[in-house]
Amino acid sequence: MEERRVAARRIACIPAYLESSNDPQDLALIRDVSARGARLFTRAKLPHGLAVHLLLYVRGEGEAPVPANGRVVRADRRDIELSDVWPWEIGVEFDAPLEETDGEIEALSQRQQALGIIKPSS
């Protein structure tokens, strides 16, 4: 399988709001993220090229979410046994890198791994 990412991937479970022309505000779950893009689980299939705005909740409680604009570069149907709530896996490429939040995302990933919420990437 071809590696699509050009920046280091951070495995984490990050809640996010997803805004697009299809839906003014929908909930999504980010599975992994890099400075250049994210893989997220959604309830709806989003068409390739669709412009999206994300609000990523990577900071502590009560802190403002991190905004990110981008476009859909991939939409895949997830295996039915795994996808009752989140049937679609969407790839988003950001318009501008999120380099200023890379440390926060890495810290969140490490905390989630330490708590057993996610498994370390292999």
PDB file of N, CA and C in Angstrom:
ATOM      1  N   MET A   1       0.844  -1.194   0.000  1.00  0.00           N
ATOM      2  CA  MET A   1       0.000   0.000   0.000  1.00  0.00           C
ATOM      3  C   MET A   1       0.880   1.246   0.000  1.00  0.00           C
ATOM      4  N   GLU A   2       0.566   2.188  -0.847  1.00  0.00           N
ATOM      5  CA  GLU A   2       1.345   3.404  -0.971  1.00  0.00           C
ATOM      6  C   GLU A   2       1.110   4.318   0.228  1.00  0.00           C
ATOM      7  N   GLU A   3       2.196   4.845   0.792  1.00  0.00           N
ATOM      8  CA  GLU A   3       2.084   5.779   1.911  1.00  0.00           C
ATOM      9  C   GLU A   3       1.709   7.148   1.355  1.00  0.00           C
ATOM     10  N   ARG A   4       0.613   7.712   1.795  1.00  0.00           N
ATOM     11  CA  ARG A   4       0.107   8.982   1.284  1.00  0.00           C
ATOM     12  C   ARG A   4       0.607  10.177   2.083  1.00  0.00           C
ATOM     13  N   ARG A   5       1.104   9.954   3.269  1.00  0.00           N
ATOM     14  CA  ARG A   5       1.455  11.055   4.162  1.00  0.00           C
ATOM     15  C   ARG A   5       2.871  11.556   3.918  1.00  0.00           C
ATOM     16  N   VAL A   6       3.034  12.873   4.058  1.00  0.00           N
ATOM     17  CA  VAL A   6       4.342  13.490   3.928  1.00  0.00           C
ATOM     18  C   VAL A   6       4.828  14.045   5.263  1.00  0.00           C
ATOM     19  N   ALA A   7       4.014  13.958   6.307  1.00  0.00           N
ATOM     20  CA  ALA A   7       4.378  14.433   7.645  1.00  0.00           C
ATOM     21  C   ALA A   7       4.118  13.311   8.651  1.00  0.00           C
ATOM     22  N   ALA A   8       4.779  13.399   9.801  1.00  0.00           N
ATOM     23  CA  ALA A   8       4.645  12.367  10.833  1.00  0.00           C
ATOM     24  C   ALA A   8       3.199  12.243  11.292  1.00  0.00           C
ATOM     25  N   ARG A   9       2.734  11.006  11.364  1.00  0.00           N
ATOM     26  CA  ARG A   9       1.364  10.711  11.781  1.00  0.00           C
ATOM     27  C   ARG A   9       1.313  10.541  13.289  1.00  0.00           C
ATOM     28  N   ARG A  10       0.276  11.096  13.915  1.00  0.00           N
ATOM     29  CA  ARG A  10       0.029  10.940  15.342  1.00  0.00           C
ATOM     30  C   ARG A  10      -1.262  10.149  15.498  1.00  0.00           C
ATOM     31  N   ILE A  11      -1.183   8.981  16.105  1.00  0.00           N
ATOM     32  CA  ILE A  11      -2.361   8.174  16.351  1.00  0.00           C
ATOM     33  C   ILE A  11      -3.040   8.708  17.599  1.00  0.00           C
ATOM     34  N   ALA A  12      -4.306   9.060  17.486  1.00  0.00           N
ATOM     35  CA  ALA A  12      -5.063   9.582  18.622  1.00  0.00           C
ATOM     36  C   ALA A  12      -6.550   9.511  18.297  1.00  0.00           C
ATOM     37  N   CYS A  13      -7.356   9.541  19.314  1.00  0.00           N
ATOM     38  CA  CYS A  13      -8.809   9.647  19.144  1.00  0.00           C
ATOM     39  C   CYS A  13      -9.186  11.066  19.531  1.00  0.00           C
ATOM     40  N   ILE A  14      -9.516  11.864  18.527  1.00  0.00           N
ATOM     41  CA  ILE A  14      -9.772  13.282  18.742  1.00  0.00           C
ATOM     42  C   ILE A  14     -11.178  13.613  18.248  1.00  0.00           C
ATOM     43  N   PRO A  15     -12.058  14.049  19.127  1.00  0.00           N
ATOM     44  CA  PRO A  15     -13.363  14.487  18.646  1.00  0.00           C
ATOM     45  C   PRO A  15     -13.208  15.775  17.842  1.00  0.00           C
ATOM     46  N   ALA A  16     -14.064  15.926  16.834  1.00  0.00           N
ATOM     47  CA  ALA A  16     -13.997  17.125  15.996  1.00  0.00           C
ATOM     48  C   ALA A  16     -15.383  17.450  15.462  1.00  0.00           C
ATOM     49  N   TYR A  17     -15.591  18.717  15.194  1.00  0.00           N
ATOM     50  CA  TYR A  17     -16.753  19.131  14.426  1.00  0.00           C
ATOM     51  C   TYR A  17     -16.294  19.287  12.991  1.00  0.00           C
ATOM     52  N   LEU A  18     -17.142  18.872  12.069  1.00  0.00           N
ATOM     53  CA  LEU A  18     -16.855  18.913  10.647  1.00  0.00           C
ATOM     54  C   LEU A  18     -17.916  19.772   9.979  1.00  0.00           C
ATOM     55  N   GLU A  19     -17.474  20.820   9.315  1.00  0.00           N
ATOM     56  CA  GLU A  19     -18.386  21.697   8.600  1.00  0.00           C
ATOM     57  C   GLU A  19     -18.068  21.618   7.115  1.00  0.00           C
ATOM     58  N   SER A  20     -19.112  21.471   6.287  1.00  0.00           N
ATOM     59  CA  SER A  20     -18.951  21.446   4.840  1.00  0.00           C
ATOM     60  C   SER A  20     -20.234  21.957   4.204  1.00  0.00           C
ATOM     61  N   SER A  21     -20.227  22.039   2.890  1.00  0.00           N
ATOM     62  CA  SER A  21     -21.463  22.454   2.205  1.00  0.00           C
ATOM     63  C   SER A  21     -22.544  21.383   2.340  1.00  0.00           C
ATOM     64  N   ASN A  22     -22.143  20.137   2.678  1.00  0.00           N
ATOM     65  CA  ASN A  22     -23.115  19.065   2.898  1.00  0.00           C
ATOM     66  C   ASN A  22     -23.802  19.162   4.254  1.00  0.00           C
ATOM     67  N   ASP A  23     -23.094  19.678   5.253  1.00  0.00           N
ATOM     68  CA  ASP A  23     -23.625  19.715   6.616  1.00  0.00           C
ATOM     69  C   ASP A  23     -22.976  20.885   7.357  1.00  0.00           C
ATOM     70  N   PRO A  24     -23.778  21.784   7.936  1.00  0.00           N
ATOM     71  CA  PRO A  24     -23.186  22.931   8.631  1.00  0.00           C
ATOM     72  C   PRO A  24     -22.386  22.555   9.875  1.00  0.00           C
ATOM     73  N   GLN A  25     -22.706  21.425  10.509  1.00  0.00           N
ATOM     74  CA  GLN A  25     -21.914  20.983  11.651  1.00  0.00           C
ATOM     75  C   GLN A  25     -22.258  19.533  11.978  1.00  0.00           C
ATOM     76  N   ASP A  26     -21.295  18.663  11.768  1.00  0.00           N
ATOM     77  CA  ASP A  26     -21.467  17.252  12.049  1.00  0.00           C
ATOM     78  C   ASP A  26     -20.309  16.817  12.937  1.00  0.00           C
ATOM     79  N   LEU A  27     -20.536  15.790  13.708  1.00  0.00           N
ATOM     80  CA  LEU A  27     -19.508  15.254  14.583  1.00  0.00           C
ATOM     81  C   LEU A  27     -18.663  14.253  13.811  1.00  0.00           C
ATOM     82  N   ALA A  28     -17.361  14.260  14.046  1.00  0.00           N
ATOM     83  CA  ALA A  28     -16.433  13.309  13.439  1.00  0.00           C
ATOM     84  C   ALA A  28     -15.456  12.856  14.507  1.00  0.00           C
ATOM     85  N   LEU A  29     -14.794  11.737  14.248  1.00  0.00           N
ATOM     86  CA  LEU A  29     -13.765  11.227  15.142  1.00  0.00           C
ATOM     87  C   LEU A  29     -12.476  11.112  14.346  1.00  0.00           C
ATOM     88  N   ILE A  30     -11.476  11.875  14.747  1.00  0.00           N
ATOM     89  CA  ILE A  30     -10.191  11.809  14.065  1.00  0.00           C
ATOM     90  C   ILE A  30      -9.415  10.631  14.628  1.00  0.00           C
ATOM     91  N   ARG A  31      -8.974   9.756  13.749  1.00  0.00           N
ATOM     92  CA  ARG A  31      -8.234   8.556  14.151  1.00  0.00           C
ATOM     93  C   ARG A  31      -6.734   8.788  14.154  1.00  0.00           C
ATOM     94  N   ASP A  32      -6.268   9.525  13.169  1.00  0.00           N
ATOM     95  CA  ASP A  32      -4.865   9.945  13.196  1.00  0.00           C
ATOM     96  C   ASP A  32      -4.736  11.255  12.442  1.00  0.00           C
ATOM     97  N   VAL A  33      -3.680  11.971  12.773  1.00  0.00           N
ATOM     98  CA  VAL A  33      -3.506  13.312  12.238  1.00  0.00           C
ATOM     99  C   VAL A  33      -2.019  13.602  12.088  1.00  0.00           C
ATOM    100  N   SER A  34      -1.701  14.395  11.086  1.00  0.00           N
ATOM    101  CA  SER A  34      -0.354  14.917  10.916  1.00  0.00           C
ATOM    102  C   SER A  34      -0.493  16.416  10.693  1.00  0.00           C
ATOM    103  N   ALA A  35       0.623  17.101  10.518  1.00  0.00           N
ATOM    104  CA  ALA A  35       0.559  18.537  10.266  1.00  0.00           C
ATOM    105  C   ALA A  35      -0.142  18.847   8.952  1.00  0.00           C
ATOM    106  N   ARG A  36      -0.168  17.886   8.032  1.00  0.00           N
ATOM    107  CA  ARG A  36      -0.711  18.108   6.692  1.00  0.00           C
ATOM    108  C   ARG A  36      -2.116  17.555   6.443  1.00  0.00           C
ATOM    109  N   GLY A  37      -2.599  16.661   7.318  1.00  0.00           N
ATOM    110  CA  GLY A  37      -3.910  16.085   7.065  1.00  0.00           C
ATOM    111  C   GLY A  37      -4.354  15.156   8.171  1.00  0.00           C
ATOM    112  N   ALA A  38      -5.532  14.566   7.976  1.00  0.00           N
ATOM    113  CA  ALA A  38      -6.110  13.699   8.998  1.00  0.00           C
ATOM    114  C   ALA A  38      -6.925  12.587   8.349  1.00  0.00           C
ATOM    115  N   ARG A  39      -7.021  11.491   9.093  1.00  0.00           N
ATOM    116  CA  ARG A  39      -7.941  10.404   8.745  1.00  0.00           C
ATOM    117  C   ARG A  39      -9.038  10.461   9.788  1.00  0.00           C
ATOM    118  N   LEU A  40     -10.275  10.609   9.338  1.00  0.00           N
ATOM    119  CA  LEU A  40     -11.358  10.707  10.296  1.00  0.00           C
ATOM    120  C   LEU A  40     -12.500   9.778   9.934  1.00  0.00           C
ATOM    121  N   PHE A  41     -13.257   9.422  10.945  1.00  0.00           N
ATOM    122  CA  PHE A  41     -14.435   8.596  10.784  1.00  0.00           C
ATOM    123  C   PHE A  41     -15.653   9.517  10.832  1.00  0.00           C
ATOM    124  N   THR A  42     -16.577   9.310   9.901  1.00  0.00           N
ATOM    125  CA  THR A  42     -17.774  10.146   9.819  1.00  0.00           C
ATOM    126  C   THR A  42     -19.008   9.271   9.623  1.00  0.00           C
ATOM    127  N   ARG A  43     -20.150   9.898   9.761  1.00  0.00           N
ATOM    128  CA  ARG A  43     -21.416   9.196   9.527  1.00  0.00           C
ATOM    129  C   ARG A  43     -21.858   9.292   8.073  1.00  0.00           C
ATOM    130  N   ALA A  44     -21.294  10.226   7.327  1.00  0.00           N
ATOM    131  CA  ALA A  44     -21.709  10.431   5.940  1.00  0.00           C
ATOM    132  C   ALA A  44     -20.508  10.380   5.004  1.00  0.00           C
ATOM    133  N   LYS A  45     -20.745   9.866   3.812  1.00  0.00           N
ATOM    134  CA  LYS A  45     -19.716   9.882   2.776  1.00  0.00           C
ATOM    135  C   LYS A  45     -19.588  11.309   2.265  1.00  0.00           C
ATOM    136  N   LEU A  46     -18.373  11.774   2.125  1.00  0.00           N
ATOM    137  CA  LEU A  46     -18.124  13.113   1.602  1.00  0.00           C
ATOM    138  C   LEU A  46     -17.423  12.983   0.255  1.00  0.00           C
ATOM    139  N   PRO A  47     -17.834  13.747  -0.731  1.00  0.00           N
ATOM    140  CA  PRO A  47     -17.245  13.606  -2.060  1.00  0.00           C
ATOM    141  C   PRO A  47     -15.814  14.130  -2.134  1.00  0.00           C
ATOM    142  N   HIS A  48     -15.033  13.499  -3.002  1.00  0.00           N
ATOM    143  CA  HIS A  48     -13.647  13.901  -3.243  1.00  0.00           C
ATOM    144  C   HIS A  48     -13.620  15.371  -3.670  1.00  0.00           C
ATOM    145  N   GLY A  49     -12.711  16.138  -3.075  1.00  0.00           N
ATOM    146  CA  GLY A  49     -12.565  17.544  -3.417  1.00  0.00           C
ATOM    147  C   GLY A  49     -13.405  18.502  -2.596  1.00  0.00           C
ATOM    148  N   LEU A  50     -14.334  17.978  -1.791  1.00  0.00           N
ATOM    149  CA  LEU A  50     -15.199  18.838  -0.988  1.00  0.00           C
ATOM    150  C   LEU A  50     -14.376  19.638   0.019  1.00  0.00           C
ATOM    151  N   ALA A  51     -14.610  20.943   0.083  1.00  0.00           N
ATOM    152  CA  ALA A  51     -13.945  21.790   1.078  1.00  0.00           C
ATOM    153  C   ALA A  51     -14.590  21.555   2.436  1.00  0.00           C
ATOM    154  N   VAL A  52     -13.756  21.415   3.480  1.00  0.00           N
ATOM    155  CA  VAL A  52     -14.254  21.188   4.835  1.00  0.00           C
ATOM    156  C   VAL A  52     -13.532  22.105   5.814  1.00  0.00           C
ATOM    157  N   HIS A  53     -14.199  22.353   6.922  1.00  0.00           N
ATOM    158  CA  HIS A  53     -13.614  23.095   8.046  1.00  0.00           C
ATOM    159  C   HIS A  53     -13.754  22.203   9.268  1.00  0.00           C
ATOM    160  N   LEU A  54     -12.642  21.947   9.946  1.00  0.00           N
ATOM    161  CA  LEU A  54     -12.644  21.105  11.143  1.00  0.00           C
ATOM    162  C   LEU A  54     -12.329  21.936  12.373  1.00  0.00           C
ATOM    163  N   LEU A  55     -12.920  21.551  13.484  1.00  0.00           N
ATOM    164  CA  LEU A  55     -12.550  22.065  14.797  1.00  0.00           C
ATOM    165  C   LEU A  55     -12.064  20.865  15.593  1.00  0.00           C
ATOM    166  N   LEU A  56     -10.759  20.792  15.860  1.00  0.00           N
ATOM    167  CA  LEU A  56     -10.137  19.655  16.529  1.00  0.00           C
ATOM    168  C   LEU A  56      -9.982  19.937  18.019  1.00  0.00           C
ATOM    169  N   TYR A  57     -10.505  19.046  18.844  1.00  0.00           N
ATOM    170  CA  TYR A  57     -10.442  19.207  20.294  1.00  0.00           C
ATOM    171  C   TYR A  57      -9.229  18.453  20.843  1.00  0.00           C
ATOM    172  N   VAL A  58      -8.044  19.047  20.628  1.00  0.00           N
ATOM    173  CA  VAL A  58      -6.787  18.422  21.055  1.00  0.00           C
ATOM    174  C   VAL A  58      -6.248  19.035  22.336  1.00  0.00           C
ATOM    175  N   ARG A  59      -6.774  20.156  22.726  1.00  0.00           N
ATOM    176  CA  ARG A  59      -6.285  20.846  23.913  1.00  0.00           C
ATOM    177  C   ARG A  59      -7.075  20.410  25.130  1.00  0.00           C
ATOM    178  N   GLY A  60      -6.697  20.893  26.268  1.00  0.00           N
ATOM    179  CA  GLY A  60      -7.352  20.524  27.518  1.00  0.00           C
ATOM    180  C   GLY A  60      -8.779  21.018  27.608  1.00  0.00           C
ATOM    181  N   GLU A  61      -9.466  20.524  28.619  1.00  0.00           N
ATOM    182  CA  GLU A  61     -10.851  20.893  28.849  1.00  0.00           C
ATOM    183  C   GLU A  61     -10.982  22.398  29.016  1.00  0.00           C
ATOM    184  N   GLY A  62     -11.965  22.975  28.359  1.00  0.00           N
ATOM    185  CA  GLY A  62     -12.200  24.407  28.441  1.00  0.00           C
ATOM    186  C   GLY A  62     -11.353  25.231  27.485  1.00  0.00           C
ATOM    187  N   GLU A  63     -10.430  24.606  26.777  1.00  0.00           N
ATOM    188  CA  GLU A  63      -9.578  25.318  25.820  1.00  0.00           C
ATOM    189  C   GLU A  63     -10.249  25.350  24.453  1.00  0.00           C
ATOM    190  N   ALA A  64      -9.925  26.357  23.676  1.00  0.00           N
ATOM    191  CA  ALA A  64     -10.512  26.505  22.342  1.00  0.00           C
ATOM    192  C   ALA A  64     -10.013  25.391  21.416  1.00  0.00           C
ATOM    193  N   PRO A  65     -10.889  24.906  20.528  1.00  0.00           N
ATOM    194  CA  PRO A  65     -10.461  23.884  19.571  1.00  0.00           C
ATOM    195  C   PRO A  65      -9.519  24.485  18.528  1.00  0.00           C
ATOM    196  N   VAL A  66      -8.773  23.611  17.863  1.00  0.00           N
ATOM    197  CA  VAL A  66      -7.857  24.025  16.808  1.00  0.00           C
ATOM    198  C   VAL A  66      -8.619  23.982  15.477  1.00  0.00           C
ATOM    199  N   PRO A  67      -8.706  25.115  14.770  1.00  0.00           N
ATOM    200  CA  PRO A  67      -9.396  25.106  13.478  1.00  0.00           C
ATOM    201  C   PRO A  67      -8.469  24.621  12.364  1.00  0.00           C
ATOM    202  N   ALA A  68      -9.038  23.957  11.374  1.00  0.00           N
ATOM    203  CA  ALA A  68      -8.273  23.500  10.219  1.00  0.00           C
ATOM    204  C   ALA A  68      -9.193  23.470   8.999  1.00  0.00           C
ATOM    205  N   ASN A  69      -8.742  24.081   7.929  1.00  0.00           N
ATOM    206  CA  ASN A  69      -9.464  24.024   6.661  1.00  0.00           C
ATOM    207  C   ASN A  69      -8.743  23.054   5.742  1.00  0.00           C
ATOM    208  N   GLY A  70      -9.516  22.355   4.922  1.00  0.00           N
ATOM    209  CA  GLY A  70      -8.899  21.422   3.994  1.00  0.00           C
ATOM    210  C   GLY A  70      -9.895  20.930   2.971  1.00  0.00           C
ATOM    211  N   ARG A  71      -9.521  19.815   2.327  1.00  0.00           N
ATOM    212  CA  ARG A  71     -10.393  19.226   1.321  1.00  0.00           C
ATOM    213  C   ARG A  71     -10.330  17.717   1.427  1.00  0.00           C
ATOM    214  N   VAL A  72     -11.409  17.073   1.038  1.00  0.00           N
ATOM    215  CA  VAL A  72     -11.489  15.615   1.062  1.00  0.00           C
ATOM    216  C   VAL A  72     -10.639  15.057  -0.075  1.00  0.00           C
ATOM    217  N   VAL A  73      -9.729  14.141   0.271  1.00  0.00           N
ATOM    218  CA  VAL A  73      -8.892  13.504  -0.744  1.00  0.00           C
ATOM    219  C   VAL A  73      -9.189  12.005  -0.872  1.00  0.00           C
ATOM    220  N   ARG A  74     -10.001  11.476   0.053  1.00  0.00           N
ATOM    221  CA  ARG A  74     -10.326  10.048   0.021  1.00  0.00           C
ATOM    222  C   ARG A  74     -11.571   9.805   0.857  1.00  0.00           C
ATOM    223  N   ALA A  75     -12.421   8.874   0.399  1.00  0.00           N
ATOM    224  CA  ALA A  75     -13.599   8.448   1.160  1.00  0.00           C
ATOM    225  C   ALA A  75     -13.782   6.958   0.935  1.00  0.00           C
ATOM    226  N   ASP A  76     -13.664   6.171   2.007  1.00  0.00           N
ATOM    227  CA  ASP A  76     -13.785   4.721   1.920  1.00  0.00           C
ATOM    228  C   ASP A  76     -14.845   4.229   2.903  1.00  0.00           C
ATOM    229  N   ARG A  77     -15.641   3.268   2.452  1.00  0.00           N
ATOM    230  CA  ARG A  77     -16.625   2.624   3.332  1.00  0.00           C
ATOM    231  C   ARG A  77     -15.876   1.667   4.247  1.00  0.00           C
ATOM    232  N   ARG A  78     -16.113   1.768   5.545  1.00  0.00           N
ATOM    233  CA  ARG A  78     -15.464   0.883   6.517  1.00  0.00           C
ATOM    234  C   ARG A  78     -16.179  -0.454   6.569  1.00  0.00           C
ATOM    235  N   ASP A  79     -15.480  -1.465   7.050  1.00  0.00           N
ATOM    236  CA  ASP A  79     -16.046  -2.805   7.217  1.00  0.00           C
ATOM    237  C   ASP A  79     -17.302  -2.708   8.080  1.00  0.00           C
ATOM    238  N   ILE A  80     -18.360  -3.340   7.653  1.00  0.00           N
ATOM    239  CA  ILE A  80     -19.659  -3.243   8.333  1.00  0.00           C
ATOM    240  C   ILE A  80     -19.598  -3.690   9.793  1.00  0.00           C
ATOM    241  N   GLU A  81     -18.750  -4.674  10.126  1.00  0.00           N
ATOM    242  CA  GLU A  81     -18.640  -5.130  11.521  1.00  0.00           C
ATOM    243  C   GLU A  81     -17.999  -4.092  12.440  1.00  0.00           C
ATOM    244  N   LEU A  82     -17.265  -3.149  11.866  1.00  0.00           N
ATOM    245  CA  LEU A  82     -16.561  -2.146  12.668  1.00  0.00           C
ATOM    246  C   LEU A  82     -17.213  -0.768  12.640  1.00  0.00           C
ATOM    247  N   SER A  83     -18.262  -0.616  11.864  1.00  0.00           N
ATOM    248  CA  SER A  83     -18.657   0.741  11.522  1.00  0.00           C
ATOM    249  C   SER A  83     -20.111   1.099  11.809  1.00  0.00           C
ATOM    250  N   ASP A  84     -20.678   0.589  12.876  1.00  0.00           N
ATOM    251  CA  ASP A  84     -22.077   0.915  13.131  1.00  0.00           C
ATOM    252  C   ASP A  84     -22.301   2.412  13.367  1.00  0.00           C
ATOM    253  N   VAL A  85     -21.389   3.090  14.037  1.00  0.00           N
ATOM    254  CA  VAL A  85     -21.539   4.522  14.310  1.00  0.00           C
ATOM    255  C   VAL A  85     -20.816   5.369  13.263  1.00  0.00           C
ATOM    256  N   TRP A  86     -19.646   4.926  12.852  1.00  0.00           N
ATOM    257  CA  TRP A  86     -18.799   5.695  11.929  1.00  0.00           C
ATOM    258  C   TRP A  86     -18.563   4.889  10.649  1.00  0.00           C
ATOM    259  N   PRO A  87     -19.503   4.871   9.709  1.00  0.00           N
ATOM    260  CA  PRO A  87     -19.359   4.011   8.538  1.00  0.00           C
ATOM    261  C   PRO A  87     -18.346   4.480   7.489  1.00  0.00           C
ATOM    262  N   TRP A  88     -17.936   5.733   7.522  1.00  0.00           N
ATOM    263  CA  TRP A  88     -17.033   6.249   6.490  1.00  0.00           C
ATOM    264  C   TRP A  88     -15.688   6.671   7.057  1.00  0.00           C
ATOM    265  N   GLU A  89     -14.634   6.335   6.342  1.00  0.00           N
ATOM    266  CA  GLU A  89     -13.276   6.787   6.650  1.00  0.00           C
ATOM    267  C   GLU A  89     -12.905   7.814   5.591  1.00  0.00           C
ATOM    268  N   ILE A  90     -12.624   9.027   6.047  1.00  0.00           N
ATOM    269  CA  ILE A  90     -12.386  10.156   5.158  1.00  0.00           C
ATOM    270  C   ILE A  90     -10.955  10.656   5.340  1.00  0.00           C
ATOM    271  N   GLY A  91     -10.264  10.873   4.236  1.00  0.00           N
ATOM    272  CA  GLY A  91      -8.944  11.492   4.269  1.00  0.00           C
ATOM    273  C   GLY A  91      -9.078  12.965   3.930  1.00  0.00           C
ATOM    274  N   VAL A  92      -8.510  13.814   4.772  1.00  0.00           N
ATOM    275  CA  VAL A  92      -8.559  15.259   4.556  1.00  0.00           C
ATOM    276  C   VAL A  92      -7.136  15.790   4.479  1.00  0.00           C
ATOM    277  N   GLU A  93      -6.866  16.573   3.461  1.00  0.00           N
ATOM    278  CA  GLU A  93      -5.590  17.273   3.345  1.00  0.00           C
ATOM    279  C   GLU A  93      -5.823  18.724   3.741  1.00  0.00           C
ATOM    280  N   PHE A  94      -5.023  19.224   4.694  1.00  0.00           N
ATOM    281  CA  PHE A  94      -5.200  20.592   5.178  1.00  0.00           C
ATOM    282  C   PHE A  94      -4.670  21.601   4.165  1.00  0.00           C
ATOM    283  N   ASP A  95      -5.305  22.769   4.109  1.00  0.00           N
ATOM    284  CA  ASP A  95      -4.843  23.847   3.236  1.00  0.00           C
ATOM    285  C   ASP A  95      -3.508  24.411   3.714  1.00  0.00           C
ATOM    286  N   ALA A  96      -3.329  24.464   5.022  1.00  0.00           N
ATOM    287  CA  ALA A  96      -2.084  24.950   5.633  1.00  0.00           C
ATOM    288  C   ALA A  96      -1.696  23.975   6.742  1.00  0.00           C
ATOM    289  N   PRO A  97      -0.410  23.660   6.876  1.00  0.00           N
ATOM    290  CA  PRO A  97       0.025  22.708   7.913  1.00  0.00           C
ATOM    291  C   PRO A  97      -0.319  23.186   9.322  1.00  0.00           C
ATOM    292  N   LEU A  98      -0.599  22.218  10.215  1.00  0.00           N
ATOM    293  CA  LEU A  98      -0.897  22.507  11.623  1.00  0.00           C
ATOM    294  C   LEU A  98       0.362  22.365  12.478  1.00  0.00           C
ATOM    295  N   GLU A  99       1.452  22.873  12.021  1.00  0.00           N
ATOM    296  CA  GLU A  99       2.735  22.673  12.699  1.00  0.00           C
ATOM    297  C   GLU A  99       2.758  23.225  14.116  1.00  0.00           C
ATOM    298  N   GLU A 100       2.021  24.300  14.388  1.00  0.00           N
ATOM    299  CA  GLU A 100       2.047  24.903  15.722  1.00  0.00           C
ATOM    300  C   GLU A 100       1.365  24.036  16.775  1.00  0.00           C
ATOM    301  N   THR A 101       0.536  23.078  16.357  1.00  0.00           N
ATOM    302  CA  THR A 101      -0.148  22.210  17.322  1.00  0.00           C
ATOM    303  C   THR A 101       0.420  20.790  17.341  1.00  0.00           C
ATOM    304  N   ASP A 102       1.492  20.540  16.610  1.00  0.00           N
ATOM    305  CA  ASP A 102       2.062  19.197  16.539  1.00  0.00           C
ATOM    306  C   ASP A 102       2.445  18.672  17.923  1.00  0.00           C
ATOM    307  N   GLY A 103       3.027  19.512  18.770  1.00  0.00           N
ATOM    308  CA  GLY A 103       3.405  19.094  20.124  1.00  0.00           C
ATOM    309  C   GLY A 103       2.196  18.733  20.976  1.00  0.00           C
ATOM    310  N   GLU A 104       1.120  19.483  20.844  1.00  0.00           N
ATOM    311  CA  GLU A 104      -0.108  19.191  21.600  1.00  0.00           C
ATOM    312  C   GLU A 104      -0.723  17.862  21.149  1.00  0.00           C
ATOM    313  N   ILE A 105      -0.709  17.624  19.845  1.00  0.00           N
ATOM    314  CA  ILE A 105      -1.264  16.376  19.318  1.00  0.00           C
ATOM    315  C   ILE A 105      -0.406  15.198  19.770  1.00  0.00           C
ATOM    316  N   GLU A 106       0.908  15.352  19.750  1.00  0.00           N
ATOM    317  CA  GLU A 106       1.806  14.281  20.212  1.00  0.00           C
ATOM    318  C   GLU A 106       1.584  13.996  21.695  1.00  0.00           C
ATOM    319  N   ALA A 107       1.432  15.029  22.511  1.00  0.00           N
ATOM    320  CA  ALA A 107       1.193  14.834  23.945  1.00  0.00           C
ATOM    321  C   ALA A 107      -0.135  14.112  24.179  1.00  0.00           C
ATOM    322  N   LEU A 108      -1.170  14.475  23.434  1.00  0.00           N
ATOM    323  CA  LEU A 108      -2.463  13.803  23.557  1.00  0.00           C
ATOM    324  C   LEU A 108      -2.334  12.335  23.165  1.00  0.00           C
ATOM    325  N   SER A 109      -1.644  12.057  22.079  1.00  0.00           N
ATOM    326  CA  SER A 109      -1.435  10.684  21.636  1.00  0.00           C
ATOM    327  C   SER A 109      -0.719   9.866  22.709  1.00  0.00           C
ATOM    328  N   GLN A 110       0.306  10.426  23.308  1.00  0.00           N
ATOM    329  CA  GLN A 110       1.052   9.722  24.355  1.00  0.00           C
ATOM    330  C   GLN A 110       0.178   9.470  25.592  1.00  0.00           C
ATOM    331  N   ARG A 111      -0.644  10.458  25.984  1.00  0.00           N
ATOM    332  CA  ARG A 111      -1.547  10.271  27.126  1.00  0.00           C
ATOM    333  C   ARG A 111      -2.556   9.161  26.834  1.00  0.00           C
ATOM    334  N   GLN A 112      -3.114   9.154  25.636  1.00  0.00           N
ATOM    335  CA  GLN A 112      -4.088   8.126  25.280  1.00  0.00           C
ATOM    336  C   GLN A 112      -3.449   6.739  25.228  1.00  0.00           C
ATOM    337  N   GLN A 113      -2.217   6.647  24.761  1.00  0.00           N
ATOM    338  CA  GLN A 113      -1.513   5.361  24.760  1.00  0.00           C
ATOM    339  C   GLN A 113      -1.254   4.895  26.189  1.00  0.00           C
ATOM    340  N   ALA A 114      -0.822   5.807  27.057  1.00  0.00           N
ATOM    341  CA  ALA A 114      -0.543   5.455  28.448  1.00  0.00           C
ATOM    342  C   ALA A 114      -1.798   4.979  29.171  1.00  0.00           C
ATOM    343  N   LEU A 115      -2.948   5.536  28.811  1.00  0.00           N
ATOM    344  CA  LEU A 115      -4.218   5.134  29.435  1.00  0.00           C
ATOM    345  C   LEU A 115      -4.823   3.880  28.789  1.00  0.00           C
ATOM    346  N   GLY A 116      -4.236   3.414  27.701  1.00  0.00           N
ATOM    347  CA  GLY A 116      -4.747   2.240  27.009  1.00  0.00           C
ATOM    348  C   GLY A 116      -5.926   2.540  26.094  1.00  0.00           C
ATOM    349  N   ILE A 117      -6.185   3.807  25.819  1.00  0.00           N
ATOM    350  CA  ILE A 117      -7.278   4.180  24.936  1.00  0.00           C
ATOM    351  C   ILE A 117      -6.958   3.793  23.495  1.00  0.00           C
ATOM    352  N   ILE A 118      -5.703   3.972  23.116  1.00  0.00           N
ATOM    353  CA  ILE A 118      -5.247   3.574  21.784  1.00  0.00           C
ATOM    354  C   ILE A 118      -4.000   2.729  21.913  1.00  0.00           C
ATOM    355  N   LYS A 119      -3.728   1.959  20.874  1.00  0.00           N
ATOM    356  CA  LYS A 119      -2.521   1.147  20.834  1.00  0.00           C
ATOM    357  C   LYS A 119      -1.439   1.932  20.100  1.00  0.00           C
ATOM    358  N   PRO A 120      -0.168   1.769  20.501  1.00  0.00           N
ATOM    359  CA  PRO A 120       0.909   2.444  19.791  1.00  0.00           C
ATOM    360  C   PRO A 120       0.938   2.014  18.327  1.00  0.00           C
ATOM    361  N   SER A 121       1.344   2.946  17.460  1.00  0.00           N
ATOM    362  CA  SER A 121       1.455   2.602  16.043  1.00  0.00           C
ATOM    363  C   SER A 121       2.589   1.604  15.864  1.00  0.00           C
ATOM    364  N   SER A 122       2.408   0.725  14.893  1.00  0.00           N
ATOM    365  CA  SER A 122       3.442  -0.290  14.665  1.00  0.00           C
ATOM    366  C   SER A 122       4.370   0.084  13.556  1.00  0.00           C
TER     367      SER A 122
END
